[in-house]
Amino acid sequence: MTTTRFAPSPTGYIHIGNLRTALMNYLIARKAGGTFILRIDDTDPERSKEEYVDGIKQDLEWLGLHWDRVERQSLRLDRYAAAADDLRAKGRFYEAFETPTELDLKRKKQLNMGRPPVYDRAALDLSEVEKDRLRAERGDGVWRFKLDRERIEWTDGILGPISIDAASVSDPVLIRGDGQVLYTLASVVDDMEMGVTDIVRGSDHVTNTATQIQIIEALGGTPPAFAHHSLLTGPQGEALSKRLGTLALRDLRAQGVEPMALLSLMARLGSSDPVELRTEMAELIEGFDISHFGSAPTKFDERDLFPLTGRYLAGLPLEAVAERIAALGVPEAERAAFWEVTRENIATLGDLEGWWRLMQDGAEPLVDPEDRDFVAEAMALLPDAPYDTGTWSTWTAAVKDKTGRKGKALFMPLRKAVTGQERGPEMAALMPLLRVVRARG
């Protein structure tokens, strides 16, 4: 059975980059009728916070990305310890004691000599006496996995054939000196024991994947299928890393972005398929194909989410927004008409408030200097409220007869004077909802 996972660290809220990974893994599992695991990577007790665990779950639920089960790495430390013992017994795990400063000096020396800055495995030459002395002086060392220095190859679901020379990669640290198990080991053990068959993650993990393939094989497992999606950039190709904090899903939600608008964009962004608004998760699942994604950096512009949100909202029935409209104070008898007038003229539901305020209090007139006399003359012909569906045509016909204006020169100045906007709903439908027109005053 196809099994995928999303493994966020609860050190912050989910941002748009995390969502790309979560969504791809979710869609693969659902399309295959498989299992989607939410795995909380909380092995770092200092940085992991329960509020972020709750926040991650809330964001996924808001999007409709429902998991089949939750796992927490902090509850599986015994499994990682057992795997570490297994690697030690097989001669693939060794303790190293270099300080960060010493490692930095080694890297600089190698670079100056034109060599790749790879850990030199000096710790393998330490005697037990020397190790005891270093432990006494510095405390416990880190534990490194001893790579087989051969080529590591796999066929990536997005990048195609990958081949990495393990001799160009440092033996990865899997356990820190303070005993904290790092992601590289914990993830491998979990993927093996949870039967994960497919893993999609960012292209910045390619080298990490190579080392994990060797660790899996050293522990007697079979590597899953890997796919590495491109990283997101800003609309001009700039790095998103400094802006991800402002692209948290909860911030986009607060701005009024609708889940299906966000999912519709992210399910196609970076692929050869066009972005199309979908209104049901089943449509996204059916149309998803990981092989259609490319390796080039993918431009993301959050402004694209608002036209999609507007189109999604325009297709909703009154029942879906009735509670929001009622909260504005719109009388029940007017709610259907209010929604019909506004549904195609909003980017988010938050825009409804502005339309209701305009209908109640009128809008600040928008009058061009050359139209000032014309608007004043026209407003003298507008009767007092209440208005009906015939008011607009009757009024504009009277204004046309008196001023001789017609077409856009007639209608646009009047729209701007009544609504304060150049675009908006059909005026015939809007007029019956207007309590007052400020331009009359």
Protein backbone atom coordinates (compact mmCIF):
# COMPACT_ATOMS: atom_id res chain seq x y z
CA MET A 1 0.00 0.00 0.00
CA THR A 2 1.18 3.50 -0.85
CA THR A 3 2.14 5.36 2.32
CA THR A 4 3.37 8.95 2.47
CA ARG A 5 4.10 11.34 5.29
CA PHE A 6 4.40 15.00 6.13
CA ALA A 7 6.96 15.54 8.88
CA PRO A 8 7.03 19.17 10.08
CA SER A 9 9.06 20.38 13.04
CA PRO A 10 6.85 22.18 15.60
CA THR A 11 9.21 25.15 15.78
CA GLY A 12 6.91 27.50 13.87
CA TYR A 13 3.74 27.67 11.82
CA ILE A 14 3.34 26.04 8.40
CA HIS A 15 4.31 28.37 5.57
CA ILE A 16 3.76 28.17 1.83
CA GLY A 17 6.96 26.15 1.30
CA ASN A 18 5.88 23.51 3.82
CA LEU A 19 2.46 23.33 2.19
CA ARG A 20 3.97 22.33 -1.15
CA THR A 21 5.56 19.28 0.46
CA ALA A 22 2.48 18.37 2.51
CA LEU A 23 0.10 18.69 -0.43
CA MET A 24 2.16 16.58 -2.84
CA ASN A 25 2.51 13.77 -0.31
CA TYR A 26 -1.19 13.98 0.53
CA LEU A 27 -2.31 13.84 -3.11
CA ILE A 28 -0.07 10.86 -3.90
CA ALA A 29 -1.49 8.91 -0.96
CA ARG A 30 -5.10 9.76 -1.71
CA LYS A 31 -4.84 9.07 -5.45
CA ALA A 32 -3.47 5.59 -4.67
CA GLY A 33 -6.03 4.96 -1.93
CA GLY A 34 -3.15 4.78 0.54
CA THR A 35 -2.17 6.23 3.91
CA PHE A 36 -1.09 9.77 4.75
CA ILE A 37 0.80 10.14 8.03
CA LEU A 38 1.28 13.38 9.95
CA ARG A 39 4.60 12.89 11.74
CA ILE A 40 5.63 15.55 14.20
CA ASP A 41 9.43 15.93 14.20
CA ASP A 42 9.79 17.02 17.83
CA THR A 43 13.11 15.49 18.83
CA ASP A 44 14.45 18.96 19.68
CA PRO A 45 12.95 19.66 23.14
CA GLU A 46 14.37 23.18 23.24
CA ARG A 47 12.68 24.49 20.09
CA SER A 48 9.59 22.27 19.80
CA LYS A 49 6.43 23.86 21.20
CA GLU A 50 2.98 22.39 21.69
CA GLU A 51 1.32 25.54 20.37
CA TYR A 52 2.97 24.88 17.01
CA VAL A 53 1.82 21.25 17.04
CA ASP A 54 -1.73 22.53 17.50
CA GLY A 55 -1.18 25.19 14.85
CA ILE A 56 0.07 22.65 12.29
CA LYS A 57 -3.02 20.50 12.83
CA GLN A 58 -5.34 23.51 12.59
CA ASP A 59 -3.79 24.66 9.32
CA LEU A 60 -4.00 21.20 7.74
CA GLU A 61 -7.62 20.82 8.86
CA TRP A 62 -8.48 24.25 7.44
CA LEU A 63 -7.11 23.09 4.08
CA GLY A 64 -8.88 19.74 4.25
CA LEU A 65 -5.63 17.74 4.30
CA HIS A 66 -6.83 15.10 6.74
CA TRP A 67 -4.26 12.62 8.00
CA ASP A 68 -4.86 8.95 8.74
CA ARG A 69 -2.75 8.93 11.87
CA VAL A 70 -0.38 11.08 13.89
CA GLU A 71 3.08 10.00 15.01
CA ARG A 72 5.44 11.88 17.31
CA GLN A 73 9.15 11.32 17.15
CA SER A 74 9.61 12.32 20.79
CA LEU A 75 7.74 9.12 21.71
CA ARG A 76 10.03 6.93 19.62
CA LEU A 77 13.46 7.67 21.08
CA ASP A 78 13.91 4.02 22.06
CA ARG A 79 13.57 3.01 18.40
CA TYR A 80 16.31 5.45 17.38
CA ALA A 81 18.57 4.17 20.18
CA ALA A 82 18.07 0.60 18.94
CA ALA A 83 18.95 1.64 15.38
CA ALA A 84 22.07 3.41 16.64
CA ASP A 85 23.14 0.24 18.47
CA ASP A 86 22.58 -1.74 15.28
CA LEU A 87 24.79 0.62 13.29
CA ARG A 88 27.51 0.46 15.96
CA ALA A 89 27.43 -3.33 15.87
CA LYS A 90 27.85 -3.23 12.10
CA GLY A 91 30.81 -0.86 12.26
CA ARG A 92 28.91 1.95 10.56
CA PHE A 93 28.69 4.37 13.51
CA TYR A 94 31.59 6.16 15.17
CA GLU A 95 32.11 8.87 17.76
CA ALA A 96 33.91 12.09 16.83
CA PHE A 97 35.06 14.91 19.08
CA GLU A 98 36.10 17.89 16.93
CA THR A 99 34.86 21.29 18.01
CA PRO A 100 33.06 23.52 15.50
CA THR A 101 36.18 25.68 15.31
CA GLU A 102 38.37 22.69 14.51
CA LEU A 103 35.97 21.51 11.81
CA ASP A 104 35.91 24.98 10.29
CA LEU A 105 39.70 25.08 10.14
CA LYS A 106 39.76 21.67 8.46
CA ARG A 107 37.24 22.81 5.85
CA LYS A 108 39.22 25.97 5.08
CA LYS A 109 42.44 23.99 4.71
CA GLN A 110 40.80 21.55 2.30
CA LEU A 111 39.32 24.35 0.23
CA ASN A 112 42.70 26.10 0.06
CA MET A 113 44.17 22.85 -1.27
CA GLY A 114 41.44 22.58 -3.89
CA ARG A 115 39.76 19.62 -2.23
CA PRO A 116 36.10 19.17 -1.32
CA PRO A 117 35.44 20.15 2.32
CA VAL A 118 34.64 16.62 3.47
CA TYR A 119 35.16 15.36 7.02
CA ASP A 120 38.53 13.57 7.10
CA ARG A 121 37.44 10.72 9.42
CA ALA A 122 40.25 11.51 11.86
CA ALA A 123 38.06 10.13 14.66
CA LEU A 124 38.39 6.62 13.23
CA ASP A 125 42.09 6.65 14.17
CA LEU A 126 41.46 7.46 17.84
CA SER A 127 42.35 4.81 20.40
CA GLU A 128 39.99 4.03 23.27
CA VAL A 129 42.41 5.82 25.62
CA GLU A 130 42.30 8.94 23.43
CA LYS A 131 38.50 8.78 23.27
CA ASP A 132 38.28 8.55 27.06
CA ARG A 133 40.57 11.55 27.39
CA LEU A 134 38.55 13.61 24.92
CA ARG A 135 35.30 12.70 26.68
CA ALA A 136 36.80 13.84 29.97
CA GLU A 137 37.91 17.12 28.40
CA ARG A 138 34.99 17.89 26.09
CA GLY A 139 32.10 15.65 27.05
CA ASP A 140 30.48 13.10 24.77
CA GLY A 141 31.20 13.38 21.09
CA VAL A 142 28.86 13.33 18.11
CA TRP A 143 28.02 10.08 16.35
CA ARG A 144 28.68 9.94 12.61
CA PHE A 145 27.45 7.40 10.08
CA LYS A 146 30.30 5.89 8.07
CA LEU A 147 29.38 6.15 4.43
CA ASP A 148 30.48 3.59 1.88
CA ARG A 149 32.45 5.75 -0.50
CA GLU A 150 30.73 4.68 -3.67
CA ARG A 151 28.17 6.20 -6.01
CA ILE A 152 24.62 6.43 -4.66
CA GLU A 153 22.04 6.26 -7.43
CA TRP A 154 18.27 6.43 -7.69
CA THR A 155 15.62 7.49 -10.19
CA ASP A 156 13.95 10.58 -8.80
CA GLY A 157 10.24 11.08 -9.45
CA ILE A 158 10.85 14.67 -10.59
CA LEU A 159 14.58 15.07 -11.24
CA GLY A 160 15.08 11.77 -13.07
CA PRO A 161 18.29 9.69 -12.68
CA ILE A 162 20.46 10.94 -9.78
CA SER A 163 24.01 9.84 -9.03
CA ILE A 164 26.01 11.21 -6.11
CA ASP A 165 29.54 10.20 -5.19
CA ALA A 166 29.49 9.47 -1.45
CA ALA A 167 33.21 10.33 -1.34
CA SER A 168 32.19 13.96 -1.92
CA VAL A 169 29.92 13.97 1.14
CA SER A 170 30.90 14.15 4.81
CA ASP A 171 29.87 11.29 7.07
CA PRO A 172 26.62 12.74 8.50
CA VAL A 173 26.21 13.42 12.21
CA LEU A 174 23.18 11.45 13.39
CA ILE A 175 23.38 12.04 17.16
CA ARG A 176 24.66 15.23 18.77
CA GLY A 177 26.98 15.37 21.74
CA ASP A 178 24.04 16.14 24.05
CA GLY A 179 22.35 12.95 22.89
CA GLN A 180 19.74 14.58 20.63
CA VAL A 181 18.85 12.36 17.71
CA LEU A 182 18.93 14.33 14.45
CA TYR A 183 16.40 14.26 11.64
CA THR A 184 18.53 12.13 9.32
CA LEU A 185 18.44 9.09 11.62
CA ALA A 186 14.98 9.57 13.11
CA SER A 187 13.42 9.98 9.68
CA VAL A 188 15.07 6.85 8.30
CA VAL A 189 13.94 4.70 11.24
CA ASP A 190 10.39 6.05 11.04
CA ASP A 191 10.13 5.65 7.27
CA MET A 192 11.26 2.03 7.55
CA GLU A 193 9.06 1.06 10.49
CA MET A 194 5.99 2.95 9.25
CA GLY A 195 6.20 1.45 5.79
CA VAL A 196 6.60 4.76 3.95
CA THR A 197 6.73 3.98 0.23
CA ASP A 198 6.92 7.45 -1.34
CA ILE A 199 8.65 10.63 -0.15
CA VAL A 200 8.35 14.03 -1.78
CA ARG A 201 10.43 16.89 -0.39
CA GLY A 202 12.42 19.92 -1.48
CA SER A 203 15.40 19.73 -3.83
CA ASP A 204 17.59 21.03 -1.00
CA HIS A 205 17.33 17.50 0.45
CA VAL A 206 18.96 15.68 -2.48
CA THR A 207 22.32 15.13 -0.76
CA ASN A 208 20.53 14.22 2.45
CA THR A 209 18.52 11.63 0.52
CA ALA A 210 21.73 10.06 -0.77
CA THR A 211 23.06 9.53 2.75
CA GLN A 212 19.68 8.29 3.98
CA ILE A 213 19.58 5.67 1.24
CA GLN A 214 22.83 4.22 2.59
CA ILE A 215 21.56 4.36 6.19
CA ILE A 216 18.36 2.55 5.21
CA GLU A 217 20.35 -0.15 3.44
CA ALA A 218 22.75 -0.46 6.39
CA LEU A 219 19.75 -1.07 8.65
CA GLY A 220 18.47 -3.76 6.30
CA GLY A 221 15.68 -1.77 4.67
CA THR A 222 14.64 -0.93 1.11
CA PRO A 223 14.65 2.78 0.20
CA PRO A 224 11.28 4.30 -0.73
CA ALA A 225 10.63 6.14 -4.00
CA PHE A 226 11.97 9.70 -3.73
CA ALA A 227 10.93 12.85 -5.58
CA HIS A 228 12.43 16.29 -4.98
CA HIS A 229 10.33 19.31 -5.93
CA SER A 230 11.86 22.63 -6.91
CA LEU A 231 12.16 25.41 -4.37
CA LEU A 232 9.85 28.41 -4.46
CA THR A 233 11.09 31.89 -5.27
CA GLY A 234 9.37 35.25 -5.22
CA PRO A 235 7.70 36.63 -8.38
CA GLN A 236 10.99 38.18 -9.55
CA GLY A 237 12.99 35.04 -8.85
CA GLU A 238 14.20 36.30 -5.48
CA ALA A 239 14.73 33.91 -2.58
CA LEU A 240 11.63 33.37 -0.47
CA SER A 241 13.55 32.31 2.61
CA LYS A 242 13.47 35.77 4.20
CA ARG A 243 9.74 36.14 3.54
CA LEU A 244 8.44 32.74 4.60
CA GLY A 245 7.55 34.15 8.00
CA THR A 246 5.02 36.43 6.29
CA LEU A 247 3.70 33.60 4.16
CA ALA A 248 2.44 31.46 7.01
CA LEU A 249 -0.82 29.75 6.12
CA ARG A 250 -2.60 31.38 9.04
CA ASP A 251 -1.61 34.80 7.71
CA LEU A 252 -2.96 33.99 4.26
CA ARG A 253 -6.13 32.71 5.92
CA ALA A 254 -6.45 35.97 7.88
CA GLN A 255 -6.21 37.87 4.58
CA GLY A 256 -9.24 35.98 3.31
CA VAL A 257 -7.60 33.41 1.02
CA GLU A 258 -9.89 30.42 0.53
CA PRO A 259 -8.49 26.88 0.96
CA MET A 260 -9.45 25.64 -2.50
CA ALA A 261 -7.90 28.70 -4.14
CA LEU A 262 -4.64 28.03 -2.32
CA LEU A 263 -4.70 24.29 -3.04
CA SER A 264 -5.61 24.80 -6.70
CA LEU A 265 -2.56 26.99 -7.19
CA MET A 266 -0.12 24.86 -5.21
CA ALA A 267 -1.24 21.57 -6.81
CA ARG A 268 -0.16 22.83 -10.24
CA LEU A 269 2.51 25.48 -9.61
CA GLY A 270 5.79 24.36 -11.17
CA SER A 271 4.17 21.68 -13.32
CA SER A 272 3.44 21.49 -17.04
CA ASP A 273 -0.29 21.61 -16.25
CA PRO A 274 -2.12 24.97 -16.20
CA VAL A 275 -3.39 26.33 -12.90
CA GLU A 276 -7.13 25.78 -12.82
CA LEU A 277 -9.52 26.59 -10.01
CA ARG A 278 -10.96 23.43 -8.51
CA THR A 279 -13.85 23.45 -6.07
CA GLU A 280 -13.52 19.88 -4.77
CA MET A 281 -10.53 18.03 -3.32
CA ALA A 282 -11.44 15.00 -5.43
CA GLU A 283 -10.69 17.01 -8.59
CA LEU A 284 -7.22 17.91 -7.33
CA ILE A 285 -6.50 14.29 -6.41
CA GLU A 286 -7.65 12.96 -9.78
CA GLY A 287 -5.61 15.50 -11.77
CA PHE A 288 -2.35 15.22 -9.83
CA ASP A 289 0.74 13.69 -11.47
CA ILE A 290 4.13 14.13 -9.80
CA SER A 291 5.93 13.42 -13.09
CA HIS A 292 4.53 16.64 -14.58
CA PHE A 293 6.63 18.80 -12.24
CA GLY A 294 9.94 20.28 -13.28
CA SER A 295 13.24 20.99 -11.58
CA ALA A 296 13.50 24.72 -12.30
CA PRO A 297 12.93 27.15 -9.40
CA THR A 298 9.22 27.95 -9.21
CA LYS A 299 7.95 31.51 -8.91
CA PHE A 300 5.24 32.10 -6.33
CA ASP A 301 3.28 35.33 -6.05
CA GLU A 302 0.71 35.47 -3.27
CA ARG A 303 -1.25 38.06 -5.27
CA ASP A 304 -2.31 35.22 -7.58
CA LEU A 305 -4.33 33.77 -4.72
CA PHE A 306 -6.86 36.59 -4.64
CA PRO A 307 -8.29 36.30 -8.18
CA LEU A 308 -8.62 32.55 -7.56
CA THR A 309 -10.33 33.22 -4.23
CA GLY A 310 -12.69 35.69 -5.92
CA ARG A 311 -13.61 33.14 -8.59
CA TYR A 312 -14.18 30.47 -5.96
CA LEU A 313 -16.45 32.75 -3.93
CA ALA A 314 -18.42 33.79 -7.01
CA GLY A 315 -19.49 30.18 -7.45
CA LEU A 316 -20.80 29.72 -3.93
CA PRO A 317 -24.54 29.57 -3.18
CA LEU A 318 -26.09 31.94 -0.67
CA GLU A 319 -26.25 29.20 1.97
CA ALA A 320 -22.45 28.98 2.04
CA VAL A 321 -22.06 32.65 2.99
CA ALA A 322 -25.38 33.37 4.70
CA GLU A 323 -23.86 33.44 8.17
CA ARG A 324 -21.17 35.91 7.11
CA ILE A 325 -23.73 38.15 5.42
CA ALA A 326 -26.10 38.01 8.39
CA ALA A 327 -23.23 39.08 10.68
CA LEU A 328 -22.96 42.31 8.68
CA GLY A 329 -26.52 43.18 9.59
CA VAL A 330 -28.06 42.61 6.17
CA PRO A 331 -31.83 42.03 6.64
CA GLU A 332 -32.89 38.49 5.77
CA ALA A 333 -35.16 39.71 2.98
CA GLU A 334 -32.23 41.43 1.26
CA ARG A 335 -29.53 38.78 1.68
CA ALA A 336 -30.15 36.97 -1.59
CA ALA A 337 -30.08 40.22 -3.58
CA PHE A 338 -27.02 41.42 -1.67
CA TRP A 339 -25.09 38.24 -2.51
CA GLU A 340 -26.11 38.33 -6.17
CA VAL A 341 -24.87 41.92 -6.44
CA THR A 342 -21.58 41.40 -4.62
CA ARG A 343 -20.52 37.80 -5.39
CA GLU A 344 -18.58 38.66 -8.55
CA ASN A 345 -17.20 41.90 -7.15
CA ILE A 346 -15.14 40.69 -4.21
CA ALA A 347 -11.66 39.22 -3.89
CA THR A 348 -12.31 37.90 -0.37
CA LEU A 349 -15.31 37.68 1.95
CA GLY A 350 -13.81 40.60 3.86
CA ASP A 351 -14.80 42.84 0.93
CA LEU A 352 -18.49 42.29 1.70
CA GLU A 353 -18.29 44.74 4.57
CA GLY A 354 -17.27 47.56 2.26
CA TRP A 355 -20.19 46.90 -0.05
CA TRP A 356 -22.67 46.83 2.82
CA ARG A 357 -21.26 50.07 4.19
CA LEU A 358 -21.64 51.66 0.75
CA MET A 359 -25.26 50.54 0.57
CA GLN A 360 -26.03 51.84 4.05
CA ASP A 361 -24.06 55.08 4.13
CA GLY A 362 -23.35 55.86 0.50
CA ALA A 363 -19.93 56.23 -1.07
CA GLU A 364 -17.61 59.18 -1.29
CA PRO A 365 -18.35 60.43 -4.84
CA LEU A 366 -15.60 60.06 -7.41
CA VAL A 367 -16.08 62.97 -9.82
CA ASP A 368 -13.58 64.12 -12.43
CA PRO A 369 -13.26 67.92 -12.74
CA GLU A 370 -14.58 67.93 -16.30
CA ASP A 371 -17.71 66.02 -15.16
CA ARG A 372 -18.55 68.17 -12.14
CA ASP A 373 -21.32 70.22 -13.77
CA PHE A 374 -22.71 67.18 -15.58
CA VAL A 375 -22.91 65.13 -12.34
CA ALA A 376 -24.57 67.99 -10.47
CA GLU A 377 -27.18 68.31 -13.21
CA ALA A 378 -27.75 64.53 -13.24
CA MET A 379 -28.10 64.29 -9.48
CA ALA A 380 -30.87 66.85 -9.54
CA LEU A 381 -32.83 64.37 -11.64
CA LEU A 382 -32.31 61.39 -9.29
CA PRO A 383 -35.36 60.80 -7.08
CA ASP A 384 -35.05 60.09 -3.38
CA ALA A 385 -34.64 56.52 -2.11
CA PRO A 386 -36.03 53.90 -1.98
CA TYR A 387 -34.96 52.80 -5.44
CA ASP A 388 -36.01 49.79 -7.51
CA THR A 389 -34.66 47.78 -10.44
CA GLY A 390 -36.03 50.35 -12.88
CA THR A 391 -34.49 53.40 -11.21
CA TRP A 392 -31.16 53.25 -13.04
CA SER A 393 -32.63 53.01 -16.55
CA THR A 394 -35.27 55.66 -15.85
CA TRP A 395 -32.73 58.04 -14.35
CA THR A 396 -30.06 57.61 -17.04
CA ALA A 397 -32.69 58.06 -19.76
CA ALA A 398 -33.78 61.34 -18.18
CA VAL A 399 -30.16 62.50 -17.87
CA LYS A 400 -29.49 61.58 -21.51
CA ASP A 401 -32.52 63.55 -22.67
CA LYS A 402 -31.48 66.63 -20.72
CA THR A 403 -27.71 66.63 -21.32
CA GLY A 404 -27.35 64.81 -24.63
CA ARG A 405 -24.68 62.52 -23.22
CA LYS A 406 -24.76 58.85 -24.08
CA GLY A 407 -22.77 55.63 -23.84
CA LYS A 408 -19.73 55.51 -21.59
CA ALA A 409 -19.65 59.29 -21.24
CA LEU A 410 -23.09 59.05 -19.66
CA PHE A 411 -22.85 55.90 -17.57
CA MET A 412 -19.30 56.03 -16.20
CA PRO A 413 -19.46 59.43 -14.45
CA LEU A 414 -22.77 58.43 -12.86
CA ARG A 415 -21.41 55.08 -11.66
CA LYS A 416 -18.37 56.81 -10.14
CA ALA A 417 -20.52 59.44 -8.48
CA VAL A 418 -22.89 56.88 -6.94
CA THR A 419 -20.42 54.14 -5.96
CA GLY A 420 -17.07 55.92 -5.78
CA GLN A 421 -15.68 53.18 -8.07
CA GLU A 422 -15.06 52.71 -11.77
CA ARG A 423 -16.15 49.07 -11.76
CA GLY A 424 -18.66 47.01 -9.89
CA PRO A 425 -22.07 45.34 -10.05
CA GLU A 426 -24.76 46.04 -12.58
CA MET A 427 -26.16 49.37 -11.45
CA ALA A 428 -29.76 48.28 -12.04
CA ALA A 429 -29.29 45.51 -9.48
CA LEU A 430 -27.32 47.69 -7.05
CA MET A 431 -29.68 50.67 -6.90
CA PRO A 432 -32.49 48.91 -4.96
CA LEU A 433 -30.00 48.16 -2.17
CA LEU A 434 -28.80 51.75 -1.78
CA ARG A 435 -30.21 53.61 1.21
CA VAL A 436 -28.56 56.89 0.26
CA VAL A 437 -26.49 58.45 -2.54
CA ARG A 438 -24.01 60.93 -1.13
CA ALA A 439 -23.50 62.80 -4.37
CA ARG A 440 -26.99 64.23 -3.92
CA GLY A 441 -25.88 66.15 -0.86
